[in-house]
Amino acid sequence: MAAVRGRTGRPPLTEERKAEIRLAIARAAVGLFVTQGVAATTGEQIGRAAGISARTVWRYFPTKESCVRPLLAAGVELIADSLRQWRPGRPLDEVFDFEQRTADDDRLLAGPAHATVGALVRLTRTEPGLRAVWLQTYDEAEPAFARALAERAGLPADDLRPAVWAAMFNAALRAAVEHHAWHTADTSADAATARAELAATLRTAVRAAAGGLT
């Protein structure tokens, strides 16, 4: 009887390795978009900068603009984590210690230098493709915010109130990040100062949003 041959070729990638590849692509794309613009950037260039093939880039992302999504989503994920930890009776702007959280968990600044991420956010103002990815990132985070708020308030998941709170909260966060990016374009603040400034802007935004939260 002939021996049964085992599976040959490379072993499948782990989810952790896939996430690393996505992040490498995102960092490469952001760097190129910021330095030479979106229109001048190709998938081949992104692949070379990430140390992979263009074919691999397109395996993970449908468009070059969508390559930045892991970096944009990172900050939203950090905020969602913080929201789930928000205890009843505590002011939202105090519970969300963004300054300390970004020092311990850099997802809000997400990989490249703070100035680079700020430049990416500013590009969403003039690049429709990037704008669509930016807005979609927040749009997809909103249901998670609503679930966390419903659980905290002891309300059913289909209650309208958490959905309204989440929409208000989500808009405040996006406005804060955009405001910070668009108003710090010409500053040369170090990373620690930039974190503190972003934290202050976020606190101002969530304080305004919290006025309608119970």
Protein backbone atom coordinates (compact mmCIF):
# COMPACT_ATOMS: atom_id res chain seq x y z
CA MET A 1 0.00 0.00 0.00
CA ALA A 2 1.35 3.37 -0.94
CA ALA A 3 2.16 5.67 1.92
CA VAL A 4 -0.17 8.60 2.40
CA ARG A 5 1.73 11.80 1.95
CA GLY A 6 1.27 14.60 4.41
CA ARG A 7 0.38 18.13 3.51
CA THR A 8 3.23 20.04 1.95
CA GLY A 9 3.96 23.73 1.61
CA ARG A 10 3.98 26.53 4.13
CA PRO A 11 1.92 26.16 7.28
CA PRO A 12 -1.11 28.46 7.52
CA LEU A 13 -0.52 31.83 9.10
CA THR A 14 -1.74 32.37 12.63
CA GLU A 15 -4.22 35.15 13.34
CA GLU A 16 -1.48 36.95 15.27
CA ARG A 17 0.82 36.84 12.25
CA LYS A 18 -1.97 38.05 9.97
CA ALA A 19 -2.55 40.99 12.31
CA GLU A 20 1.17 41.80 12.20
CA ILE A 21 1.10 41.81 8.40
CA ARG A 22 -1.96 44.07 8.33
CA LEU A 23 -0.26 46.47 10.70
CA ALA A 24 2.96 46.49 8.64
CA ILE A 25 0.93 47.28 5.52
CA ALA A 26 -0.95 50.03 7.35
CA ARG A 27 2.23 51.66 8.61
CA ALA A 28 3.79 51.53 5.16
CA ALA A 29 0.68 53.01 3.53
CA VAL A 30 0.42 55.83 6.06
CA GLY A 31 4.07 56.77 5.61
CA LEU A 32 3.72 56.91 1.83
CA PHE A 33 0.40 58.77 1.87
CA VAL A 34 1.80 61.42 4.19
CA THR A 35 5.07 61.92 2.31
CA GLN A 36 3.92 61.71 -1.33
CA GLY A 37 0.13 61.74 -1.32
CA VAL A 38 -2.50 59.11 -1.96
CA ALA A 39 -2.71 59.50 -5.74
CA ALA A 40 1.05 59.01 -6.20
CA THR A 41 1.14 55.87 -4.04
CA THR A 42 0.78 52.43 -5.59
CA GLY A 43 0.17 49.00 -4.16
CA GLU A 44 3.63 47.98 -5.31
CA GLN A 45 5.18 50.80 -3.30
CA ILE A 46 3.19 49.87 -0.22
CA GLY A 47 4.29 46.27 -0.58
CA ARG A 48 7.95 47.18 -0.93
CA ALA A 49 7.81 49.46 2.11
CA ALA A 50 6.16 46.67 4.11
CA GLY A 51 8.59 44.03 2.85
CA ILE A 52 5.94 41.99 1.05
CA SER A 53 4.53 41.65 -2.44
CA ALA A 54 1.79 43.82 -3.92
CA ARG A 55 -0.23 40.64 -4.29
CA THR A 56 -0.13 40.17 -0.53
CA VAL A 57 -1.25 43.77 -0.01
CA TRP A 58 -4.35 43.15 -2.14
CA ARG A 59 -5.00 39.87 -0.35
CA TYR A 60 -5.50 41.79 2.87
CA PHE A 61 -7.05 45.04 1.61
CA PRO A 62 -9.38 45.78 -1.32
CA THR A 63 -8.04 49.31 -1.96
CA LYS A 64 -4.94 51.27 -1.07
CA GLU A 65 -6.97 53.66 1.08
CA SER A 66 -8.35 50.77 3.14
CA CYS A 67 -4.78 49.80 4.07
CA VAL A 68 -4.78 52.43 6.83
CA ARG A 69 -7.76 50.94 8.61
CA PRO A 70 -5.85 48.97 11.30
CA LEU A 71 -4.30 52.22 12.54
CA LEU A 72 -7.57 54.16 12.51
CA ALA A 73 -9.43 51.32 14.20
CA ALA A 74 -6.83 51.00 16.97
CA GLY A 75 -7.83 54.22 18.69
CA VAL A 76 -11.52 53.38 18.45
CA GLU A 77 -10.85 49.99 20.03
CA LEU A 78 -9.04 51.63 22.94
CA ILE A 79 -11.97 53.97 23.51
CA ALA A 80 -14.45 51.08 23.36
CA ASP A 81 -12.38 49.24 26.00
CA SER A 82 -12.47 52.32 28.21
CA LEU A 83 -16.22 52.72 27.74
CA ARG A 84 -16.86 49.14 28.83
CA GLN A 85 -14.93 49.86 32.04
CA TRP A 86 -16.86 53.04 32.81
CA ARG A 87 -18.63 52.50 36.13
CA PRO A 88 -22.02 54.03 36.95
CA GLY A 89 -21.84 57.25 38.92
CA ARG A 90 -18.42 58.24 37.66
CA PRO A 91 -17.92 61.27 35.39
CA LEU A 92 -16.98 60.07 31.94
CA ASP A 93 -14.12 62.52 31.51
CA GLU A 94 -12.50 61.29 34.75
CA VAL A 95 -12.93 57.59 34.09
CA PHE A 96 -11.42 57.93 30.63
CA ASP A 97 -7.82 58.59 31.63
CA PHE A 98 -6.72 58.94 28.02
CA GLU A 99 -3.35 60.42 28.89
CA GLN A 100 -2.37 57.47 31.06
CA ARG A 101 -3.95 54.91 28.76
CA THR A 102 -2.05 56.17 25.73
CA ALA A 103 1.17 56.05 27.74
CA ASP A 104 0.49 52.41 28.65
CA ASP A 105 -1.30 51.32 25.47
CA ASP A 106 -0.32 53.28 22.40
CA ARG A 107 -3.27 52.20 20.26
CA LEU A 108 -4.63 55.74 20.16
CA LEU A 109 -1.38 56.91 18.60
CA ALA A 110 -1.20 53.58 16.79
CA GLY A 111 2.24 52.71 15.58
CA PRO A 112 3.84 55.59 13.71
CA ALA A 113 4.82 58.88 15.28
CA HIS A 114 1.97 60.98 16.64
CA ALA A 115 2.66 63.63 14.01
CA THR A 116 2.30 61.03 11.25
CA VAL A 117 -1.06 59.84 12.53
CA GLY A 118 -2.18 63.45 12.81
CA ALA A 119 -1.13 64.02 9.22
CA LEU A 120 -3.19 60.97 8.19
CA VAL A 121 -6.27 62.33 9.94
CA ARG A 122 -5.75 65.66 8.17
CA LEU A 123 -5.60 63.81 4.83
CA THR A 124 -9.10 62.47 5.49
CA ARG A 125 -10.30 66.02 5.03
CA THR A 126 -9.20 66.19 1.39
CA GLU A 127 -8.99 62.54 0.26
CA PRO A 128 -12.48 61.04 -0.31
CA GLY A 129 -11.21 57.45 -0.17
CA LEU A 130 -9.52 57.97 3.16
CA ARG A 131 -12.51 59.92 4.44
CA ALA A 132 -14.77 56.98 3.66
CA VAL A 133 -12.51 54.60 5.59
CA TRP A 134 -12.29 57.04 8.51
CA LEU A 135 -16.06 57.44 8.76
CA GLN A 136 -16.69 53.72 8.30
CA THR A 137 -14.34 52.96 11.19
CA TYR A 138 -16.41 55.10 13.53
CA ASP A 139 -19.70 53.90 12.05
CA GLU A 140 -18.80 50.29 12.80
CA ALA A 141 -17.72 51.18 16.35
CA GLU A 142 -21.06 52.74 17.23
CA PRO A 143 -22.96 49.48 17.88
CA ALA A 144 -20.21 48.41 20.31
CA PHE A 145 -20.58 51.73 22.11
CA ALA A 146 -24.35 51.26 22.24
CA ARG A 147 -24.04 47.75 23.69
CA ALA A 148 -21.66 48.95 26.41
CA LEU A 149 -23.96 51.84 27.33
CA ALA A 150 -27.03 49.60 27.38
CA GLU A 151 -25.30 47.09 29.66
CA ARG A 152 -24.12 49.84 31.99
CA ALA A 153 -27.64 51.32 32.22
CA GLY A 154 -29.35 47.95 32.61
CA LEU A 155 -31.34 48.45 29.43
CA PRO A 156 -32.21 45.89 26.75
CA ALA A 157 -29.95 45.85 23.71
CA ASP A 158 -32.77 47.05 21.43
CA ASP A 159 -33.62 50.11 23.57
CA LEU A 160 -33.41 53.35 21.60
CA ARG A 161 -31.69 55.39 24.31
CA PRO A 162 -28.27 53.65 24.23
CA ALA A 163 -28.26 53.98 20.44
CA VAL A 164 -28.82 57.73 20.74
CA TRP A 165 -26.17 58.05 23.47
CA ALA A 166 -23.70 56.06 21.38
CA ALA A 167 -24.30 58.24 18.34
CA MET A 168 -23.67 61.38 20.38
CA PHE A 169 -20.62 59.87 22.07
CA ASN A 170 -19.21 58.63 18.78
CA ALA A 171 -19.61 62.01 17.09
CA ALA A 172 -17.93 63.76 20.02
CA LEU A 173 -14.91 61.46 19.86
CA ARG A 174 -14.48 61.84 16.12
CA ALA A 175 -14.84 65.60 16.35
CA ALA A 176 -12.21 65.69 19.11
CA VAL A 177 -9.64 63.67 17.18
CA GLU A 178 -10.20 65.72 14.03
CA HIS A 179 -10.06 69.00 15.94
CA HIS A 180 -6.79 67.98 17.56
CA ALA A 181 -5.25 66.88 14.26
CA TRP A 182 -6.36 69.93 12.29
CA HIS A 183 -5.26 72.42 14.95
CA THR A 184 -1.83 70.95 15.66
CA ALA A 185 -0.56 70.69 12.10
CA ASP A 186 2.29 73.15 12.55
CA THR A 187 3.31 72.34 16.10
CA SER A 188 6.54 70.56 17.02
CA ALA A 189 5.43 69.23 20.41
CA ASP A 190 7.13 66.11 21.73
CA ALA A 191 5.20 62.85 22.11
CA ALA A 192 4.37 63.39 25.79
CA THR A 193 3.04 66.89 25.16
CA ALA A 194 1.06 65.68 22.15
CA ARG A 195 -0.53 62.95 24.29
CA ALA A 196 -1.49 65.46 26.94
CA GLU A 197 -3.00 67.81 24.36
CA LEU A 198 -4.98 65.01 22.75
CA ALA A 199 -6.17 63.83 26.17
CA ALA A 200 -7.36 67.33 27.02
CA THR A 201 -9.25 67.61 23.73
CA LEU A 202 -10.87 64.21 24.25
CA ARG A 203 -11.90 65.10 27.79
CA THR A 204 -13.51 68.31 26.57
CA ALA A 205 -15.46 66.36 23.95
CA VAL A 206 -16.62 63.54 26.20
CA ARG A 207 -17.54 66.03 28.93
CA ALA A 208 -19.85 67.71 26.44
CA ALA A 209 -21.27 64.36 25.38
CA ALA A 210 -21.67 63.17 28.94
CA GLY A 211 -24.09 65.99 29.63
CA GLY A 212 -26.71 63.90 27.89
CA LEU A 213 -25.69 60.54 29.37
CA THR A 214 -27.20 59.04 32.52
